Each structure stands twice: as structure tokens, then as C-alpha cells.
């Protein structure tokens, strides 16, 4: 009787482990999710561009804003 209980317990544990290993990956699964990730990357790139521009003294604020806009537009074309 104990061997049957042990076998049942082991098989249940293996089944549960198999289910956990088959869980969905944590990456984008649809085209919409991919596009959203691309937009987030583009926004971060444009923020970095503006931050780097403002750190330097050679351009005005308006020129830095235009650089940011240009970076966002380049991201939209891809």
C-alpha cells in the first residue's frame, strides 16, 4: 500500500513540475506587443538624445527639442 502512495506522490510531483516548466515565456507574443515595445524603446532613445544634448553647451533648448523629435520620427519610420 505504501508503494502505491509513494508512486502516486512522485507522479503527481512530476506532473506539476511539467506544468510549471511549460509556462508561457515572458516576452511579447503578439505584433501589438512588439510594436508597443518598439515605441517604448524609441521614446527612451529620444529622451537619451535630449538629455545628452542638454548636457552640452553648444545647442539651445529648441535645438535639443528638435533633435528629440527627429529621433522619434526616425523610430516611427522603421
C-alpha atoms as a PDB file:
ATOM      1  CA  UNK A   1       0.000   0.000   0.000  1.00  0.00           C
ATOM      2  CA  UNK A   2       2.813   2.442   0.815  1.00  0.00           C
ATOM      3  CA  UNK A   3       4.483   1.808  -2.553  1.00  0.00           C
ATOM      4  CA  UNK A   4       1.290   2.852  -4.354  1.00  0.00           C
ATOM      5  CA  UNK A   5       1.035   6.040  -2.303  1.00  0.00           C
ATOM      6  CA  UNK A   6       4.681   6.844  -2.948  1.00  0.00           C
ATOM      7  CA  UNK A   7       4.271   6.228  -6.686  1.00  0.00           C
ATOM      8  CA  UNK A   8       1.181   8.455  -6.746  1.00  0.00           C
ATOM      9  CA  UNK A   9       3.013  11.210  -4.907  1.00  0.00           C
ATOM     10  CA  UNK A  10       6.017  11.034  -7.233  1.00  0.00           C
ATOM     11  CA  UNK A  11       3.883  11.027 -10.371  1.00  0.00           C
ATOM     12  CA  UNK A  12       1.855  13.996  -9.085  1.00  0.00           C
ATOM     13  CA  UNK A  13       5.032  15.934  -8.379  1.00  0.00           C
ATOM     14  CA  UNK A  14       6.396  15.185 -11.856  1.00  0.00           C
ATOM     15  CA  UNK A  15       3.132  16.253 -13.464  1.00  0.00           C
ATOM     16  CA  UNK A  16       3.087  19.523 -11.510  1.00  0.00           C
ATOM     17  CA  UNK A  17       6.724  20.180 -12.442  1.00  0.00           C
ATOM     18  CA  UNK A  18       5.958  19.574 -16.103  1.00  0.00           C
ATOM     19  CA  UNK A  19       3.100  22.087 -15.992  1.00  0.00           C
ATOM     20  CA  UNK A  20       5.324  24.742 -14.410  1.00  0.00           C
ATOM     21  CA  UNK A  21       8.065  24.233 -16.974  1.00  0.00           C
ATOM     22  CA  UNK A  22       5.571  24.638 -19.816  1.00  0.00           C
ATOM     23  CA  UNK A  23       4.523  28.124 -18.649  1.00  0.00           C
ATOM     24  CA  UNK A  24       4.465  30.858 -21.277  1.00  0.00           C
ATOM     25  CA  UNK A  25       7.623  32.894 -21.812  1.00  0.00           C
ATOM     26  CA  UNK A  26       7.742  36.466 -20.519  1.00  0.00           C
ATOM     27  CA  UNK A  27       8.331  38.037 -23.929  1.00  0.00           C
ATOM     28  CA  UNK A  28       5.998  39.664 -26.407  1.00  0.00           C
ATOM     29  CA  UNK A  29       3.585  37.240 -28.015  1.00  0.00           C
ATOM     30  CA  UNK A  30       1.669  39.384 -30.497  1.00  0.00           C
ATOM     31  CA  UNK A  31       2.542  42.003 -33.069  1.00  0.00           C
ATOM     32  CA  UNK A  32       0.847  44.652 -30.952  1.00  0.00           C
ATOM     33  CA  UNK A  33       3.087  43.849 -28.010  1.00  0.00           C
ATOM     34  CA  UNK A  34       6.137  44.021 -30.263  1.00  0.00           C
ATOM     35  CA  UNK A  35       5.071  47.424 -31.590  1.00  0.00           C
ATOM     36  CA  UNK A  36       4.499  48.712 -28.050  1.00  0.00           C
ATOM     37  CA  UNK A  37       7.980  47.552 -27.037  1.00  0.00           C
ATOM     38  CA  UNK A  38       9.411  49.320 -30.088  1.00  0.00           C
ATOM     39  CA  UNK A  39       7.608  52.560 -29.167  1.00  0.00           C
ATOM     40  CA  UNK A  40       8.949  52.370 -25.617  1.00  0.00           C
ATOM     41  CA  UNK A  41      12.478  51.887 -26.934  1.00  0.00           C
ATOM     42  CA  UNK A  42      12.061  54.825 -29.328  1.00  0.00           C
ATOM     43  CA  UNK A  43      10.812  57.088 -26.541  1.00  0.00           C
ATOM     44  CA  UNK A  44      13.740  56.134 -24.314  1.00  0.00           C
ATOM     45  CA  UNK A  45      16.202  56.758 -27.153  1.00  0.00           C
ATOM     46  CA  UNK A  46      14.723  60.206 -27.770  1.00  0.00           C
ATOM     47  CA  UNK A  47      14.903  61.034 -24.056  1.00  0.00           C
ATOM     48  CA  UNK A  48      18.555  60.000 -24.011  1.00  0.00           C
ATOM     49  CA  UNK A  49      19.232  62.159 -27.069  1.00  0.00           C
ATOM     50  CA  UNK A  50      17.650  65.193 -25.435  1.00  0.00           C
ATOM     51  CA  UNK A  51      19.435  64.596 -22.121  1.00  0.00           C
ATOM     52  CA  UNK A  52      22.812  64.357 -23.882  1.00  0.00           C
ATOM     53  CA  UNK A  53      22.048  67.483 -25.882  1.00  0.00           C
ATOM     54  CA  UNK A  54      21.112  69.475 -22.775  1.00  0.00           C
ATOM     55  CA  UNK A  55      24.281  68.321 -21.026  1.00  0.00           C
ATOM     56  CA  UNK A  56      26.362  70.017 -23.730  1.00  0.00           C
ATOM     57  CA  UNK A  57      26.512  73.789 -24.135  1.00  0.00           C
ATOM     58  CA  UNK A  58      26.614  74.029 -27.893  1.00  0.00           C
ATOM     59  CA  UNK A  59      22.833  73.867 -28.643  1.00  0.00           C
ATOM     60  CA  UNK A  60      19.790  75.788 -27.465  1.00  0.00           C
ATOM     61  CA  UNK A  61      16.776  74.187 -25.805  1.00  0.00           C
ATOM     62  CA  UNK A  62      14.815  74.473 -29.040  1.00  0.00           C
ATOM     63  CA  UNK A  63      17.543  72.662 -30.957  1.00  0.00           C
ATOM     64  CA  UNK A  64      17.577  69.892 -28.336  1.00  0.00           C
ATOM     65  CA  UNK A  65      13.806  69.518 -28.650  1.00  0.00           C
ATOM     66  CA  UNK A  66      14.147  69.260 -32.419  1.00  0.00           C
ATOM     67  CA  UNK A  67      16.805  66.560 -32.026  1.00  0.00           C
ATOM     68  CA  UNK A  68      14.395  64.648 -29.798  1.00  0.00           C
ATOM     69  CA  UNK A  69      11.603  64.987 -32.393  1.00  0.00           C
ATOM     70  CA  UNK A  70      13.930  63.804 -35.154  1.00  0.00           C
ATOM     71  CA  UNK A  71      14.898  60.740 -33.128  1.00  0.00           C
ATOM     72  CA  UNK A  72      11.229  59.873 -32.535  1.00  0.00           C
ATOM     73  CA  UNK A  73      10.434  60.311 -36.245  1.00  0.00           C
ATOM     74  CA  UNK A  74      13.291  58.001 -37.206  1.00  0.00           C
ATOM     75  CA  UNK A  75      11.882  55.382 -34.856  1.00  0.00           C
ATOM     76  CA  UNK A  76       8.452  55.636 -36.460  1.00  0.00           C
ATOM     77  CA  UNK A  77       9.812  55.042 -39.944  1.00  0.00           C
ATOM     78  CA  UNK A  78      11.323  51.664 -39.033  1.00  0.00           C
END
